[in-house]
PDB file of N, CA and C in Angstrom:
ATOM      1  N   MET A   1      -5.635 -48.618  38.667  1.00  0.00           N
ATOM      2  CA  MET A   1      -4.672 -47.561  38.527  1.00  0.00           C
ATOM      3  C   MET A   1      -3.340 -48.094  37.890  1.00  0.00           C
ATOM      4  N   ARG A   2      -2.665 -47.065  37.192  1.00  0.00           N
ATOM      5  CA  ARG A   2      -1.466 -47.486  36.726  1.00  0.00           C
ATOM      6  C   ARG A   2      -0.402 -46.892  37.319  1.00  0.00           C
ATOM      7  N   LEU A   3       0.253 -47.622  38.300  1.00  0.00           N
ATOM      8  CA  LEU A   3       1.266 -46.986  39.095  1.00  0.00           C
ATOM      9  C   LEU A   3       2.666 -47.242  38.495  1.00  0.00           C
ATOM     10  N   SER A   4       3.544 -46.682  38.981  1.00  0.00           N
ATOM     11  CA  SER A   4       4.766 -46.649  38.410  1.00  0.00           C
ATOM     12  C   SER A   4       5.898 -47.373  39.384  1.00  0.00           C
ATOM     13  N   VAL A   5       5.379 -48.451  39.828  1.00  0.00           N
ATOM     14  CA  VAL A   5       6.131 -49.155  40.949  1.00  0.00           C
ATOM     15  C   VAL A   5       7.341 -49.807  40.385  1.00  0.00           C
ATOM     16  N   GLY A   6       8.468 -49.456  41.020  1.00  0.00           N
ATOM     17  CA  GLY A   6       9.729 -49.981  40.629  1.00  0.00           C
ATOM     18  C   GLY A   6      10.572 -49.073  39.518  1.00  0.00           C
ATOM     19  N   LYS A   7       9.878 -48.066  38.906  1.00  0.00           N
ATOM     20  CA  LYS A   7      10.520 -47.160  38.081  1.00  0.00           C
ATOM     21  C   LYS A   7      10.950 -45.558  38.700  1.00  0.00           C
ATOM     22  N   GLU A   8      11.010 -45.519  40.056  1.00  0.00           N
ATOM     23  CA  GLU A   8      11.258 -44.325  40.697  1.00  0.00           C
ATOM     24  C   GLU A   8      12.580 -43.831  40.256  1.00  0.00           C
ATOM     25  N   ALA A   9      13.755 -44.754  40.418  1.00  0.00           N
ATOM     26  CA  ALA A   9      14.887 -44.166  40.111  1.00  0.00           C
ATOM     27  C   ALA A   9      15.159 -43.716  38.684  1.00  0.00           C
ATOM     28  N   THR A  10      14.581 -44.336  37.728  1.00  0.00           N
ATOM     29  CA  THR A  10      14.409 -43.571  36.386  1.00  0.00           C
ATOM     30  C   THR A  10      14.015 -42.324  36.294  1.00  0.00           C
ATOM     31  N   THR A  11      12.957 -42.081  37.037  1.00  0.00           N
ATOM     32  CA  THR A  11      12.248 -40.763  37.236  1.00  0.00           C
ATOM     33  C   THR A  11      13.112 -39.897  37.682  1.00  0.00           C
ATOM     34  N   VAL A  12      13.739 -39.966  38.967  1.00  0.00           N
ATOM     35  CA  VAL A  12      14.559 -39.201  39.603  1.00  0.00           C
ATOM     36  C   VAL A  12      15.879 -38.886  38.688  1.00  0.00           C
ATOM     37  N   GLY A  13      16.258 -39.876  38.167  1.00  0.00           N
ATOM     38  CA  GLY A  13      17.522 -39.732  37.328  1.00  0.00           C
ATOM     39  C   GLY A  13      17.305 -38.833  35.913  1.00  0.00           C
ATOM     40  N   THR A  14      16.141 -39.014  35.471  1.00  0.00           N
ATOM     41  CA  THR A  14      15.638 -38.044  34.531  1.00  0.00           C
ATOM     42  C   THR A  14      15.294 -36.710  34.765  1.00  0.00           C
ATOM     43  N   LEU A  15      14.573 -36.539  35.701  1.00  0.00           N
ATOM     44  CA  LEU A  15      14.086 -35.132  36.179  1.00  0.00           C
ATOM     45  C   LEU A  15      14.879 -34.447  37.299  1.00  0.00           C
ATOM     46  N   TYR A  16      16.031 -34.999  37.490  1.00  0.00           N
ATOM     47  CA  TYR A  16      16.909 -34.344  38.810  1.00  0.00           C
ATOM     48  C   TYR A  16      17.384 -32.993  38.374  1.00  0.00           C
ATOM     49  N   LEU A  17      17.821 -32.731  37.094  1.00  0.00           N
ATOM     50  CA  LEU A  17      18.351 -31.370  36.797  1.00  0.00           C
ATOM     51  C   LEU A  17      17.035 -30.554  35.976  1.00  0.00           C
ATOM     52  N   SER A  18      15.875 -30.871  36.034  1.00  0.00           N
ATOM     53  CA  SER A  18      14.759 -30.392  35.458  1.00  0.00           C
ATOM     54  C   SER A  18      14.319 -29.016  36.102  1.00  0.00           C
ATOM     55  N   ARG A  19      14.028 -27.988  35.465  1.00  0.00           N
ATOM     56  CA  ARG A  19      13.681 -26.639  35.988  1.00  0.00           C
ATOM     57  C   ARG A  19      12.024 -26.748  35.784  1.00  0.00           C
ATOM     58  N   ASP A  20      11.486 -25.602  36.466  1.00  0.00           N
ATOM     59  CA  ASP A  20       9.980 -25.547  36.199  1.00  0.00           C
ATOM     60  C   ASP A  20       9.840 -25.029  34.949  1.00  0.00           C
ATOM     61  N   SER A  21      10.547 -24.575  34.203  1.00  0.00           N
ATOM     62  CA  SER A  21      10.347 -24.053  32.784  1.00  0.00           C
ATOM     63  C   SER A  21      10.245 -25.087  31.716  1.00  0.00           C
ATOM     64  N   ASP A  22      11.034 -26.380  32.220  1.00  0.00           N
ATOM     65  CA  ASP A  22      11.094 -27.477  31.400  1.00  0.00           C
ATOM     66  C   ASP A  22       9.712 -28.185  31.247  1.00  0.00           C
ATOM     67  N   VAL A  23       9.522 -28.625  30.053  1.00  0.00           N
ATOM     68  CA  VAL A  23       8.151 -29.403  29.738  1.00  0.00           C
ATOM     69  C   VAL A  23       8.234 -30.765  30.104  1.00  0.00           C
ATOM     70  N   VAL A  24       7.395 -31.406  30.757  1.00  0.00           N
ATOM     71  CA  VAL A  24       7.499 -32.787  30.962  1.00  0.00           C
ATOM     72  C   VAL A  24       6.018 -33.284  30.592  1.00  0.00           C
ATOM     73  N   VAL A  25       6.017 -34.436  29.355  1.00  0.00           N
ATOM     74  CA  VAL A  25       4.858 -34.878  28.863  1.00  0.00           C
ATOM     75  C   VAL A  25       5.154 -36.290  29.203  1.00  0.00           C
ATOM     76  N   SER A  26       4.327 -36.909  30.293  1.00  0.00           N
ATOM     77  CA  SER A  26       4.412 -38.418  30.508  1.00  0.00           C
ATOM     78  C   SER A  26       3.414 -39.266  29.851  1.00  0.00           C
ATOM     79  N   THR A  27       3.437 -40.512  30.246  1.00  0.00           N
ATOM     80  CA  THR A  27       2.754 -41.520  29.732  1.00  0.00           C
ATOM     81  C   THR A  27       1.599 -41.898  30.498  1.00  0.00           C
ATOM     82  N   HIS A  28       1.128 -43.100  30.291  1.00  0.00           N
ATOM     83  CA  HIS A  28      -0.293 -43.472  31.008  1.00  0.00           C
ATOM     84  C   HIS A  28       0.077 -43.943  32.442  1.00  0.00           C
ATOM     85  N   ARG A  29       1.346 -43.865  32.764  1.00  0.00           N
ATOM     86  CA  ARG A  29       1.894 -44.017  34.315  1.00  0.00           C
ATOM     87  C   ARG A  29       2.526 -42.743  34.753  1.00  0.00           C
ATOM     88  N   PRO A  30       1.812 -41.759  34.909  1.00  0.00           N
ATOM     89  CA  PRO A  30       2.295 -40.310  35.230  1.00  0.00           C
ATOM     90  C   PRO A  30       2.777 -39.985  36.605  1.00  0.00           C
ATOM     91  N   HIS A  31       2.313 -40.775  37.724  1.00  0.00           N
ATOM     92  CA  HIS A  31       2.360 -40.332  38.970  1.00  0.00           C
ATOM     93  C   HIS A  31       3.675 -40.059  39.331  1.00  0.00           C
ATOM     94  N   ASN A  32       4.672 -40.826  39.159  1.00  0.00           N
ATOM     95  CA  ASN A  32       6.071 -40.673  39.671  1.00  0.00           C
ATOM     96  C   ASN A  32       6.554 -39.383  38.877  1.00  0.00           C
ATOM     97  N   HIS A  33       6.429 -39.168  37.672  1.00  0.00           N
ATOM     98  CA  HIS A  33       6.878 -37.989  37.135  1.00  0.00           C
ATOM     99  C   HIS A  33       6.076 -36.720  37.474  1.00  0.00           C
ATOM    100  N   ALA A  34       4.888 -36.731  37.858  1.00  0.00           N
ATOM    101  CA  ALA A  34       4.286 -35.680  38.416  1.00  0.00           C
ATOM    102  C   ALA A  34       4.898 -35.285  39.814  1.00  0.00           C
ATOM    103  N   ILE A  35       5.106 -36.251  40.589  1.00  0.00           N
ATOM    104  CA  ILE A  35       5.523 -35.899  41.915  1.00  0.00           C
ATOM    105  C   ILE A  35       7.109 -35.409  41.815  1.00  0.00           C
ATOM    106  N   ALA A  36       7.998 -36.012  40.797  1.00  0.00           N
ATOM    107  CA  ALA A  36       9.169 -35.385  40.605  1.00  0.00           C
ATOM    108  C   ALA A  36       9.242 -34.069  39.942  1.00  0.00           C
ATOM    109  N   LYS A  37       8.194 -33.808  39.228  1.00  0.00           N
ATOM    110  CA  LYS A  37       8.084 -32.330  38.557  1.00  0.00           C
ATOM    111  C   LYS A  37       7.738 -31.246  39.565  1.00  0.00           C
ATOM    112  N   GLY A  38       7.113 -31.646  40.773  1.00  0.00           N
ATOM    113  CA  GLY A  38       6.843 -30.805  41.791  1.00  0.00           C
ATOM    114  C   GLY A  38       5.475 -30.496  41.870  1.00  0.00           C
ATOM    115  N   VAL A  39       4.723 -31.230  41.164  1.00  0.00           N
ATOM    116  CA  VAL A  39       3.242 -31.029  41.176  1.00  0.00           C
ATOM    117  C   VAL A  39       2.737 -31.532  42.742  1.00  0.00           C
ATOM    118  N   GLY A  40       1.927 -30.577  43.308  1.00  0.00           N
ATOM    119  CA  GLY A  40       1.461 -30.751  44.646  1.00  0.00           C
ATOM    120  C   GLY A  40       0.657 -32.189  45.125  1.00  0.00           C
ATOM    121  N   LEU A  41       0.903 -32.991  46.112  1.00  0.00           N
ATOM    122  CA  LEU A  41       0.425 -34.102  46.288  1.00  0.00           C
ATOM    123  C   LEU A  41      -1.100 -34.056  46.666  1.00  0.00           C
ATOM    124  N   LYS A  42      -1.481 -33.038  47.215  1.00  0.00           N
ATOM    125  CA  LYS A  42      -2.711 -32.672  47.644  1.00  0.00           C
ATOM    126  C   LYS A  42      -3.748 -32.546  46.257  1.00  0.00           C
ATOM    127  N   GLY A  43      -3.223 -31.689  45.437  1.00  0.00           N
ATOM    128  CA  GLY A  43      -3.997 -31.696  43.903  1.00  0.00           C
ATOM    129  C   GLY A  43      -3.969 -32.989  43.510  1.00  0.00           C
ATOM    130  N   LEU A  44      -2.829 -33.638  43.358  1.00  0.00           N
ATOM    131  CA  LEU A  44      -2.676 -34.969  42.425  1.00  0.00           C
ATOM    132  C   LEU A  44      -3.601 -35.955  43.268  1.00  0.00           C
ATOM    133  N   ALA A  45      -3.581 -36.124  44.460  1.00  0.00           N
ATOM    134  CA  ALA A  45      -4.431 -37.224  45.152  1.00  0.00           C
ATOM    135  C   ALA A  45      -5.960 -36.822  44.849  1.00  0.00           C
ATOM    136  N   SER A  46      -6.227 -35.344  45.022  1.00  0.00           N
ATOM    137  CA  SER A  46      -7.650 -35.082  44.798  1.00  0.00           C
ATOM    138  C   SER A  46      -8.278 -35.316  43.351  1.00  0.00           C
ATOM    139  N   GLU A  47      -7.186 -35.319  42.373  1.00  0.00           N
ATOM    140  CA  GLU A  47      -7.553 -35.641  40.974  1.00  0.00           C
ATOM    141  C   GLU A  47      -7.836 -37.203  40.992  1.00  0.00           C
ATOM    142  N   ILE A  48      -6.810 -38.083  41.448  1.00  0.00           N
ATOM    143  CA  ILE A  48      -6.834 -39.301  41.293  1.00  0.00           C
ATOM    144  C   ILE A  48      -8.434 -39.901  42.055  1.00  0.00           C
ATOM    145  N   PHE A  49      -8.854 -39.217  42.978  1.00  0.00           N
ATOM    146  CA  PHE A  49     -10.255 -39.614  43.670  1.00  0.00           C
ATOM    147  C   PHE A  49     -11.125 -38.897  43.008  1.00  0.00           C
ATOM    148  N   GLY A  50     -11.126 -38.051  42.001  1.00  0.00           N
ATOM    149  CA  GLY A  50     -12.138 -37.337  41.374  1.00  0.00           C
ATOM    150  C   GLY A  50     -12.733 -36.214  42.084  1.00  0.00           C
ATOM    151  N   LYS A  51     -12.072 -35.555  42.867  1.00  0.00           N
ATOM    152  CA  LYS A  51     -12.536 -34.443  43.686  1.00  0.00           C
ATOM    153  C   LYS A  51     -12.409 -33.189  42.819  1.00  0.00           C
ATOM    154  N   SER A  52     -13.336 -32.219  43.022  1.00  0.00           N
ATOM    155  CA  SER A  52     -13.377 -30.961  42.493  1.00  0.00           C
ATOM    156  C   SER A  52     -12.010 -29.900  42.772  1.00  0.00           C
ATOM    157  N   THR A  53     -11.262 -30.287  43.680  1.00  0.00           N
ATOM    158  CA  THR A  53     -10.011 -29.654  44.323  1.00  0.00           C
ATOM    159  C   THR A  53      -8.777 -30.274  43.468  1.00  0.00           C
ATOM    160  N   GLY A  54      -9.041 -31.288  42.694  1.00  0.00           N
ATOM    161  CA  GLY A  54      -8.044 -31.898  41.886  1.00  0.00           C
ATOM    162  C   GLY A  54      -7.127 -31.198  40.770  1.00  0.00           C
ATOM    163  N   LEU A  55      -6.185 -31.414  40.181  1.00  0.00           N
ATOM    164  CA  LEU A  55      -5.685 -30.698  39.236  1.00  0.00           C
ATOM    165  C   LEU A  55      -6.300 -30.366  38.007  1.00  0.00           C
ATOM    166  N   CYS A  56      -7.283 -31.267  37.562  1.00  0.00           N
ATOM    167  CA  CYS A  56      -8.329 -30.838  36.495  1.00  0.00           C
ATOM    168  C   CYS A  56      -9.773 -30.850  37.143  1.00  0.00           C
ATOM    169  N   LYS A  57      -9.828 -30.301  38.259  1.00  0.00           N
ATOM    170  CA  LYS A  57     -11.287 -30.381  38.900  1.00  0.00           C
ATOM    171  C   LYS A  57     -11.835 -31.825  38.864  1.00  0.00           C
ATOM    172  N   GLY A  58     -11.028 -32.771  39.011  1.00  0.00           N
ATOM    173  CA  GLY A  58     -11.567 -34.141  39.346  1.00  0.00           C
ATOM    174  C   GLY A  58     -11.999 -34.677  38.007  1.00  0.00           C
ATOM    175  N   LYS A  59     -11.882 -34.003  36.640  1.00  0.00           N
ATOM    176  CA  LYS A  59     -12.474 -34.617  35.483  1.00  0.00           C
ATOM    177  C   LYS A  59     -11.351 -35.577  34.634  1.00  0.00           C
ATOM    178  N   GLY A  60     -10.082 -35.317  35.090  1.00  0.00           N
ATOM    179  CA  GLY A  60      -8.974 -36.083  34.359  1.00  0.00           C
ATOM    180  C   GLY A  60      -8.678 -37.360  34.798  1.00  0.00           C
ATOM    181  N   GLY A  61      -9.023 -37.739  36.049  1.00  0.00           N
ATOM    182  CA  GLY A  61      -8.488 -38.903  36.568  1.00  0.00           C
ATOM    183  C   GLY A  61      -7.242 -39.045  36.503  1.00  0.00           C
ATOM    184  N   HIS A  62      -6.765 -40.283  36.921  1.00  0.00           N
ATOM    185  CA  HIS A  62      -5.469 -40.460  37.329  1.00  0.00           C
ATOM    186  C   HIS A  62      -4.364 -40.650  36.085  1.00  0.00           C
ATOM    187  N   MET A  63      -4.948 -40.677  34.869  1.00  0.00           N
ATOM    188  CA  MET A  63      -4.081 -40.919  33.708  1.00  0.00           C
ATOM    189  C   MET A  63      -4.213 -39.728  32.783  1.00  0.00           C
ATOM    190  N   HIS A  64      -4.872 -38.541  33.273  1.00  0.00           N
ATOM    191  CA  HIS A  64      -4.995 -37.442  32.358  1.00  0.00           C
ATOM    192  C   HIS A  64      -4.710 -36.066  33.499  1.00  0.00           C
ATOM    193  N   LEU A  65      -3.397 -36.213  33.930  1.00  0.00           N
ATOM    194  CA  LEU A  65      -3.045 -35.051  34.843  1.00  0.00           C
ATOM    195  C   LEU A  65      -2.495 -34.027  33.900  1.00  0.00           C
ATOM    196  N   PHE A  66      -2.609 -32.900  34.564  1.00  0.00           N
ATOM    197  CA  PHE A  66      -2.108 -31.524  33.746  1.00  0.00           C
ATOM    198  C   PHE A  66      -2.027 -30.493  34.993  1.00  0.00           C
ATOM    199  N   HIS A  67      -0.733 -29.724  34.798  1.00  0.00           N
ATOM    200  CA  HIS A  67      -0.615 -28.788  35.728  1.00  0.00           C
ATOM    201  C   HIS A  67       0.318 -27.702  34.893  1.00  0.00           C
ATOM    202  N   ARG A  68      -0.249 -26.404  34.771  1.00  0.00           N
ATOM    203  CA  ARG A  68       0.172 -25.415  33.828  1.00  0.00           C
ATOM    204  C   ARG A  68       1.393 -24.809  34.397  1.00  0.00           C
ATOM    205  N   THR A  69       1.557 -24.468  35.553  1.00  0.00           N
ATOM    206  CA  THR A  69       2.557 -23.788  36.176  1.00  0.00           C
ATOM    207  C   THR A  69       3.757 -24.640  36.264  1.00  0.00           C
ATOM    208  N   LYS A  70       3.672 -25.888  36.372  1.00  0.00           N
ATOM    209  CA  LYS A  70       4.708 -26.936  36.621  1.00  0.00           C
ATOM    210  C   LYS A  70       5.057 -27.485  35.096  1.00  0.00           C
ATOM    211  N   ASN A  71       4.259 -26.952  34.148  1.00  0.00           N
ATOM    212  CA  ASN A  71       4.537 -27.476  32.790  1.00  0.00           C
ATOM    213  C   ASN A  71       4.512 -28.968  32.541  1.00  0.00           C
ATOM    214  N   PHE A  72       3.636 -29.624  33.264  1.00  0.00           N
ATOM    215  CA  PHE A  72       3.514 -30.997  33.326  1.00  0.00           C
ATOM    216  C   PHE A  72       2.187 -31.498  32.588  1.00  0.00           C
ATOM    217  N   ALA A  73       2.206 -32.355  31.738  1.00  0.00           N
ATOM    218  CA  ALA A  73       1.124 -32.969  31.195  1.00  0.00           C
ATOM    219  C   ALA A  73       1.193 -34.536  30.843  1.00  0.00           C
ATOM    220  N   CYS A  74       0.258 -35.461  30.747  1.00  0.00           N
ATOM    221  CA  CYS A  74       0.277 -36.608  30.584  1.00  0.00           C
ATOM    222  C   CYS A  74      -0.859 -37.013  29.363  1.00  0.00           C
ATOM    223  N   ASN A  75      -0.863 -38.270  29.056  1.00  0.00           N
ATOM    224  CA  ASN A  75      -1.880 -38.712  28.211  1.00  0.00           C
ATOM    225  C   ASN A  75      -2.243 -40.213  28.717  1.00  0.00           C
ATOM    226  N   GLY A  76      -3.430 -40.675  28.681  1.00  0.00           N
ATOM    227  CA  GLY A  76      -3.618 -42.109  29.010  1.00  0.00           C
ATOM    228  C   GLY A  76      -3.580 -43.023  27.750  1.00  0.00           C
ATOM    229  N   ILE A  77      -3.321 -42.563  26.750  1.00  0.00           N
ATOM    230  CA  ILE A  77      -3.121 -43.348  25.508  1.00  0.00           C
ATOM    231  C   ILE A  77      -1.699 -43.744  25.355  1.00  0.00           C
ATOM    232  N   VAL A  78      -1.300 -44.927  25.266  1.00  0.00           N
ATOM    233  CA  VAL A  78      -0.040 -45.369  24.998  1.00  0.00           C
ATOM    234  C   VAL A  78       0.527 -44.779  23.633  1.00  0.00           C
ATOM    235  N   GLY A  79       1.581 -44.059  23.751  1.00  0.00           N
ATOM    236  CA  GLY A  79       2.193 -43.314  22.599  1.00  0.00           C
ATOM    237  C   GLY A  79       1.627 -42.058  22.067  1.00  0.00           C
ATOM    238  N   ALA A  80       0.685 -41.596  22.698  1.00  0.00           N
ATOM    239  CA  ALA A  80      -0.140 -40.328  22.412  1.00  0.00           C
ATOM    240  C   ALA A  80       0.669 -39.058  22.970  1.00  0.00           C
ATOM    241  N   SER A  81       1.764 -39.169  23.782  1.00  0.00           N
ATOM    242  CA  SER A  81       2.298 -37.973  24.225  1.00  0.00           C
ATOM    243  C   SER A  81       3.312 -37.328  23.181  1.00  0.00           C
ATOM    244  N   PHE A  82       3.505 -38.207  22.091  1.00  0.00           N
ATOM    245  CA  PHE A  82       4.572 -37.645  21.062  1.00  0.00           C
ATOM    246  C   PHE A  82       3.932 -36.431  20.427  1.00  0.00           C
ATOM    247  N   PRO A  83       2.671 -36.276  20.000  1.00  0.00           N
ATOM    248  CA  PRO A  83       2.086 -34.855  19.476  1.00  0.00           C
ATOM    249  C   PRO A  83       2.266 -33.929  20.593  1.00  0.00           C
ATOM    250  N   GLN A  84       1.998 -34.246  21.691  1.00  0.00           N
ATOM    251  CA  GLN A  84       2.050 -33.191  22.743  1.00  0.00           C
ATOM    252  C   GLN A  84       3.437 -32.566  22.799  1.00  0.00           C
ATOM    253  N   VAL A  85       4.379 -33.472  22.933  1.00  0.00           N
ATOM    254  CA  VAL A  85       5.685 -33.117  23.043  1.00  0.00           C
ATOM    255  C   VAL A  85       6.085 -32.276  21.592  1.00  0.00           C
ATOM    256  N   ALA A  86       5.736 -32.768  20.439  1.00  0.00           N
ATOM    257  CA  ALA A  86       6.049 -32.120  19.243  1.00  0.00           C
ATOM    258  C   ALA A  86       5.300 -30.500  19.199  1.00  0.00           C
ATOM    259  N   GLY A  87       4.162 -30.517  19.923  1.00  0.00           N
ATOM    260  CA  GLY A  87       3.467 -29.189  19.907  1.00  0.00           C
ATOM    261  C   GLY A  87       4.302 -28.350  20.683  1.00  0.00           C
ATOM    262  N   ALA A  88       4.696 -28.856  22.006  1.00  0.00           N
ATOM    263  CA  ALA A  88       5.511 -27.973  23.025  1.00  0.00           C
ATOM    264  C   ALA A  88       6.749 -27.529  22.183  1.00  0.00           C
ATOM    265  N   ALA A  89       7.686 -28.451  21.381  1.00  0.00           N
ATOM    266  CA  ALA A  89       8.812 -27.972  20.839  1.00  0.00           C
ATOM    267  C   ALA A  89       8.570 -27.036  19.641  1.00  0.00           C
ATOM    268  N   PHE A  90       7.564 -27.135  18.998  1.00  0.00           N
ATOM    269  CA  PHE A  90       7.170 -26.202  17.933  1.00  0.00           C
ATOM    270  C   PHE A  90       7.010 -24.880  18.537  1.00  0.00           C
ATOM    271  N   THR A  91       6.231 -24.859  19.644  1.00  0.00           N
ATOM    272  CA  THR A  91       5.843 -23.563  20.230  1.00  0.00           C
ATOM    273  C   THR A  91       7.182 -22.814  20.760  1.00  0.00           C
ATOM    274  N   PHE A  92       7.977 -23.662  21.333  1.00  0.00           N
ATOM    275  CA  PHE A  92       9.319 -23.061  21.657  1.00  0.00           C
ATOM    276  C   PHE A  92      10.057 -22.263  20.657  1.00  0.00           C
ATOM    277  N   LYS A  93      10.087 -23.292  19.508  1.00  0.00           N
ATOM    278  CA  LYS A  93      10.850 -22.809  18.231  1.00  0.00           C
ATOM    279  C   LYS A  93      10.124 -21.537  17.695  1.00  0.00           C
ATOM    280  N   TYR A  94       8.928 -21.748  17.435  1.00  0.00           N
ATOM    281  CA  TYR A  94       8.118 -20.557  16.960  1.00  0.00           C
ATOM    282  C   TYR A  94       8.326 -19.238  17.878  1.00  0.00           C
ATOM    283  N   SER A  95       8.172 -19.451  19.181  1.00  0.00           N
ATOM    284  CA  SER A  95       8.244 -18.212  20.210  1.00  0.00           C
ATOM    285  C   SER A  95       9.650 -17.568  19.996  1.00  0.00           C
ATOM    286  N   ALA A  96      10.922 -18.541  19.917  1.00  0.00           N
ATOM    287  CA  ALA A  96      12.079 -18.025  19.690  1.00  0.00           C
ATOM    288  C   ALA A  96      12.152 -17.286  18.533  1.00  0.00           C
ATOM    289  N   ALA A  97      11.522 -17.690  17.312  1.00  0.00           N
ATOM    290  CA  ALA A  97      11.637 -17.135  16.177  1.00  0.00           C
ATOM    291  C   ALA A  97      11.071 -15.489  16.170  1.00  0.00           C
ATOM    292  N   VAL A  98       9.775 -15.559  16.855  1.00  0.00           N
ATOM    293  CA  VAL A  98       9.068 -14.437  16.693  1.00  0.00           C
ATOM    294  C   VAL A  98       9.616 -13.501  17.883  1.00  0.00           C
ATOM    295  N   MET A  99       9.927 -13.938  19.025  1.00  0.00           N
ATOM    296  CA  MET A  99      10.378 -12.952  20.088  1.00  0.00           C
ATOM    297  C   MET A  99      11.830 -12.523  19.897  1.00  0.00           C
ATOM    298  N   GLY A 100      12.458 -13.144  19.026  1.00  0.00           N
ATOM    299  CA  GLY A 100      13.918 -12.812  18.822  1.00  0.00           C
ATOM    300  C   GLY A 100      14.878 -13.224  19.776  1.00  0.00           C
ATOM    301  N   PHE A 101      14.569 -14.423  20.332  1.00  0.00           N
ATOM    302  CA  PHE A 101      15.681 -14.940  21.292  1.00  0.00           C
ATOM    303  C   PHE A 101      16.115 -16.453  20.837  1.00  0.00           C
ATOM    304  N   SER A 102      17.159 -16.890  21.180  1.00  0.00           N
ATOM    305  CA  SER A 102      17.685 -17.951  20.780  1.00  0.00           C
ATOM    306  C   SER A 102      17.568 -19.194  21.755  1.00  0.00           C
ATOM    307  N   LEU A 103      17.228 -20.312  21.319  1.00  0.00           N
ATOM    308  CA  LEU A 103      17.207 -21.613  22.072  1.00  0.00           C
ATOM    309  C   LEU A 103      18.636 -22.053  22.443  1.00  0.00           C
ATOM    310  N   ARG A 104      18.715 -22.327  23.569  1.00  0.00           N
ATOM    311  CA  ARG A 104      20.071 -22.829  23.967  1.00  0.00           C
ATOM    312  C   ARG A 104      20.038 -24.256  24.536  1.00  0.00           C
ATOM    313  N   TYR A 105      20.694 -25.194  23.944  1.00  0.00           N
ATOM    314  CA  TYR A 105      20.868 -26.399  24.192  1.00  0.00           C
ATOM    315  C   TYR A 105      21.469 -26.610  25.496  1.00  0.00           C
ATOM    316  N   ARG A 106      20.889 -27.278  26.530  1.00  0.00           N
ATOM    317  CA  ARG A 106      21.489 -27.310  28.070  1.00  0.00           C
ATOM    318  C   ARG A 106      21.745 -28.781  28.261  1.00  0.00           C
ATOM    319  N   PRO A 107      23.000 -29.349  27.924  1.00  0.00           N
ATOM    320  CA  PRO A 107      23.282 -30.844  28.195  1.00  0.00           C
ATOM    321  C   PRO A 107      23.153 -31.050  29.555  1.00  0.00           C
ATOM    322  N   VAL A 108      22.649 -32.470  29.777  1.00  0.00           N
ATOM    323  CA  VAL A 108      22.372 -32.801  31.187  1.00  0.00           C
ATOM    324  C   VAL A 108      23.564 -33.548  31.420  1.00  0.00           C
ATOM    325  N   ILE A 109      24.339 -33.253  32.425  1.00  0.00           N
ATOM    326  CA  ILE A 109      25.573 -33.918  33.154  1.00  0.00           C
ATOM    327  C   ILE A 109      25.417 -34.588  34.164  1.00  0.00           C
TER     328      ILE A 109
END
């Protein structure tokens, strides 16, 4: 299991001002990001142990977590999160153009 021991402060600092609508795509060490994003511990633990009550019904394991309502995903391959993030960004940009609303930059202070 690839834990994020010692990186908790970075996660808290990064996701402190995040909203449920913000998309977070993590790396192969996603547990701290999932917890900080608000993914339920019971579903997270169930997925890690391969139970059918897990986030992905026990099929994703601890490096392939996904939670639709929290907008959280990760990938077990190092560097493979970039295509997921690019797809999310394209979706937001396309949706804004089609739906007629503008995307607003929200600086983190």
